[in-house]
Amino acid sequence: MPSRLPLSSWKWFFLSFFGGGIVFWIPDLVIPALNRTEGGGAVTFACPALLVLFYLILRRLKKPERLGPSIPIFSLCGIWVFALSFTLLAQWIRSEQGLGAFSWGDIGYLVASSFMPNRIFELVSLEGSIFALLIGTAAMIFCLLAALASPREITGSAAKSS
């Protein structure tokens, strides 16, 4: 496996956005599929832990000299935008008969609501993953602040000592 992954800025953006969103919400699907009676405690810790692991892997693969999209910022956007879709899938997995039939209006409502933080907060709270979302958000903010504190991340090159 190469120690650095040469990608364009757009590819880093898509990898951070889609990868961060999907990696964060996968435990919310897998854990209920394995145990329908799980109350959310495992999801609360598994989602942010996988997100931080994903961030660390991407940061290691990204060239330190390369300026480009911020991995924490776009991963954070990904987890919030994909929140409703994944919580809907998680509820479908947890339910016995599924959630019923969907119309195009329901899908439109879901897509429109994916960009309203108050709706995301409300519906994720009802699903039971709100603490995972808040911990993941705090973790990405911490990763962003740690990256900004590093001179390598600000200037795009390793700090040079004279």
Protein backbone atom coordinates (compact mmCIF):
# COMPACT_ATOMS: atom_id res chain seq x y z
CA MET A 1 0.00 0.00 0.00
CA PRO A 2 1.46 3.37 -0.93
CA SER A 3 2.27 5.73 1.89
CA ARG A 4 0.82 8.68 -0.04
CA LEU A 5 -2.19 8.80 -2.34
CA PRO A 6 -1.86 11.36 -5.17
CA LEU A 7 -5.38 12.67 -5.88
CA SER A 8 -6.73 15.93 -7.26
CA SER A 9 -8.54 18.36 -4.97
CA TRP A 10 -11.92 17.25 -6.33
CA LYS A 11 -11.15 13.62 -5.60
CA TRP A 12 -10.09 14.50 -2.04
CA PHE A 13 -13.34 16.44 -1.64
CA PHE A 14 -15.49 13.52 -2.85
CA LEU A 15 -13.51 11.00 -0.81
CA SER A 16 -13.82 13.12 2.34
CA PHE A 17 -17.50 13.98 1.84
CA PHE A 18 -18.88 10.61 0.75
CA GLY A 19 -16.35 8.51 2.64
CA GLY A 20 -16.83 10.41 5.89
CA GLY A 21 -20.62 10.28 5.65
CA ILE A 22 -20.78 6.61 4.74
CA VAL A 23 -18.10 5.43 7.17
CA PHE A 24 -19.78 7.30 10.02
CA TRP A 25 -23.26 5.86 9.44
CA ILE A 26 -22.32 2.25 8.56
CA PRO A 27 -22.30 1.10 12.23
CA ASP A 28 -25.83 2.53 12.56
CA LEU A 29 -26.88 -0.01 9.91
CA VAL A 30 -24.69 -2.98 10.81
CA ILE A 31 -25.24 -3.06 14.58
CA PRO A 32 -29.08 -3.14 14.37
CA ALA A 33 -28.83 -5.77 11.61
CA LEU A 34 -26.86 -7.99 13.96
CA ASN A 35 -28.91 -7.23 17.08
CA ARG A 36 -32.33 -5.57 16.71
CA THR A 37 -32.70 -5.04 20.45
CA GLU A 38 -29.48 -3.02 20.78
CA GLY A 39 -30.44 0.28 22.38
CA GLY A 40 -27.90 2.54 20.68
CA GLY A 41 -24.97 2.43 23.11
CA ALA A 42 -22.71 0.57 20.70
CA VAL A 43 -23.71 2.89 17.84
CA THR A 44 -22.93 5.95 19.99
CA PHE A 45 -19.29 4.94 20.26
CA ALA A 46 -18.78 2.97 17.03
CA CYS A 47 -19.85 5.75 14.63
CA PRO A 48 -17.43 8.43 15.91
CA ALA A 49 -14.63 5.88 16.39
CA LEU A 50 -14.84 4.76 12.76
CA LEU A 51 -14.98 8.39 11.60
CA VAL A 52 -11.80 9.28 13.51
CA LEU A 53 -10.08 6.15 12.15
CA PHE A 54 -11.15 7.16 8.62
CA TYR A 55 -9.77 10.67 9.20
CA LEU A 56 -6.43 9.33 10.45
CA ILE A 57 -6.09 7.02 7.43
CA LEU A 58 -6.90 9.81 4.97
CA ARG A 59 -4.57 12.22 6.69
CA ARG A 60 -1.77 9.68 6.44
CA LEU A 61 -2.47 9.08 2.76
CA LYS A 62 -2.73 12.77 1.85
CA LYS A 63 0.52 14.41 0.86
CA PRO A 64 1.61 16.98 3.45
CA GLU A 65 2.75 19.40 0.72
CA ARG A 66 -0.62 19.35 -0.99
CA LEU A 67 -3.05 22.14 -0.28
CA GLY A 68 -6.63 21.12 -0.85
CA PRO A 69 -9.97 20.46 0.75
CA SER A 70 -10.08 19.94 4.48
CA ILE A 71 -10.81 16.33 5.37
CA PRO A 72 -12.58 17.15 8.69
CA ILE A 73 -14.79 19.88 7.22
CA PHE A 74 -16.06 17.82 4.31
CA SER A 75 -16.38 14.65 6.40
CA LEU A 76 -18.51 16.65 8.81
CA CYS A 77 -20.68 17.90 5.95
CA GLY A 78 -21.04 14.32 4.73
CA ILE A 79 -22.24 12.95 8.07
CA TRP A 80 -24.85 15.69 8.42
CA VAL A 81 -26.12 15.47 4.83
CA PHE A 82 -26.36 11.66 4.89
CA ALA A 83 -27.86 11.56 8.39
CA LEU A 84 -31.52 11.26 7.39
CA SER A 85 -30.94 8.69 4.66
CA PHE A 86 -28.95 6.42 6.93
CA THR A 87 -31.24 6.81 9.94
CA LEU A 88 -34.18 5.93 7.69
CA LEU A 89 -32.34 2.79 6.56
CA ALA A 90 -31.47 1.95 10.17
CA GLN A 91 -35.13 2.22 11.18
CA TRP A 92 -36.11 0.01 8.26
CA ILE A 93 -33.57 -2.60 9.44
CA ARG A 94 -34.85 -2.39 13.03
CA SER A 95 -38.53 -2.72 12.09
CA GLU A 96 -40.23 -6.05 11.52
CA GLN A 97 -42.28 -5.22 8.41
CA GLY A 98 -40.20 -2.35 7.04
CA LEU A 99 -41.35 1.24 6.89
CA GLY A 100 -43.90 0.82 4.11
CA ALA A 101 -43.98 2.09 0.56
CA PHE A 102 -42.31 5.33 -0.45
CA SER A 103 -43.66 7.83 -2.93
CA TRP A 104 -41.63 10.40 -4.85
CA GLY A 105 -42.96 13.03 -2.44
CA ASP A 106 -41.44 11.15 0.50
CA ILE A 107 -38.09 10.95 -1.25
CA GLY A 108 -38.27 14.66 -2.10
CA TYR A 109 -39.03 15.47 1.55
CA LEU A 110 -36.07 13.37 2.64
CA VAL A 111 -33.70 15.10 0.21
CA ALA A 112 -34.96 18.58 1.12
CA SER A 113 -34.79 17.82 4.85
CA SER A 114 -31.19 16.61 4.48
CA PHE A 115 -30.11 20.25 4.21
CA MET A 116 -32.05 21.53 7.26
CA PRO A 117 -30.02 21.07 10.45
CA ASN A 118 -33.06 21.46 12.71
CA ARG A 119 -34.88 18.58 10.91
CA ILE A 120 -31.75 16.45 10.98
CA PHE A 121 -31.33 17.10 14.71
CA GLU A 122 -34.99 16.26 15.40
CA LEU A 123 -35.20 13.08 13.31
CA VAL A 124 -31.82 11.71 14.39
CA SER A 125 -32.89 12.31 18.00
CA LEU A 126 -36.04 10.29 17.41
CA GLU A 127 -33.97 7.49 15.85
CA GLY A 128 -31.58 7.42 18.81
CA SER A 129 -28.28 8.35 17.15
CA ILE A 130 -28.09 11.97 18.27
CA PHE A 131 -25.26 11.39 20.74
CA ALA A 132 -23.23 9.62 18.04
CA LEU A 133 -23.82 12.58 15.71
CA LEU A 134 -22.81 15.12 18.35
CA ILE A 135 -19.71 13.17 19.40
CA GLY A 136 -18.72 12.74 15.74
CA THR A 137 -19.21 16.46 15.14
CA ALA A 138 -17.08 17.33 18.16
CA ALA A 139 -14.41 14.85 17.06
CA MET A 140 -14.16 16.39 13.59
CA ILE A 141 -14.01 19.91 15.04
CA PHE A 142 -11.19 18.73 17.31
CA CYS A 143 -9.39 17.13 14.32
CA LEU A 144 -9.77 20.36 12.36
CA LEU A 145 -8.37 22.46 15.21
CA ALA A 146 -5.48 20.03 15.67
CA ALA A 147 -4.73 20.17 11.93
CA LEU A 148 -4.84 23.98 11.95
CA ALA A 149 -2.44 24.06 14.89
CA SER A 150 0.11 22.08 12.88
CA PRO A 151 2.40 24.35 10.81
CA ARG A 152 2.50 21.69 8.09
CA GLU A 153 -1.25 21.91 7.61
CA ILE A 154 -1.33 25.70 7.47
CA THR A 155 1.54 26.31 5.07
CA GLY A 156 1.20 23.14 3.06
CA SER A 157 4.78 22.07 3.70
CA ALA A 158 6.75 20.70 6.57
CA ALA A 159 7.98 23.29 9.02
CA LYS A 160 11.54 24.20 8.12
CA SER A 161 14.12 24.84 10.75
CA SER A 162 17.08 27.03 9.90
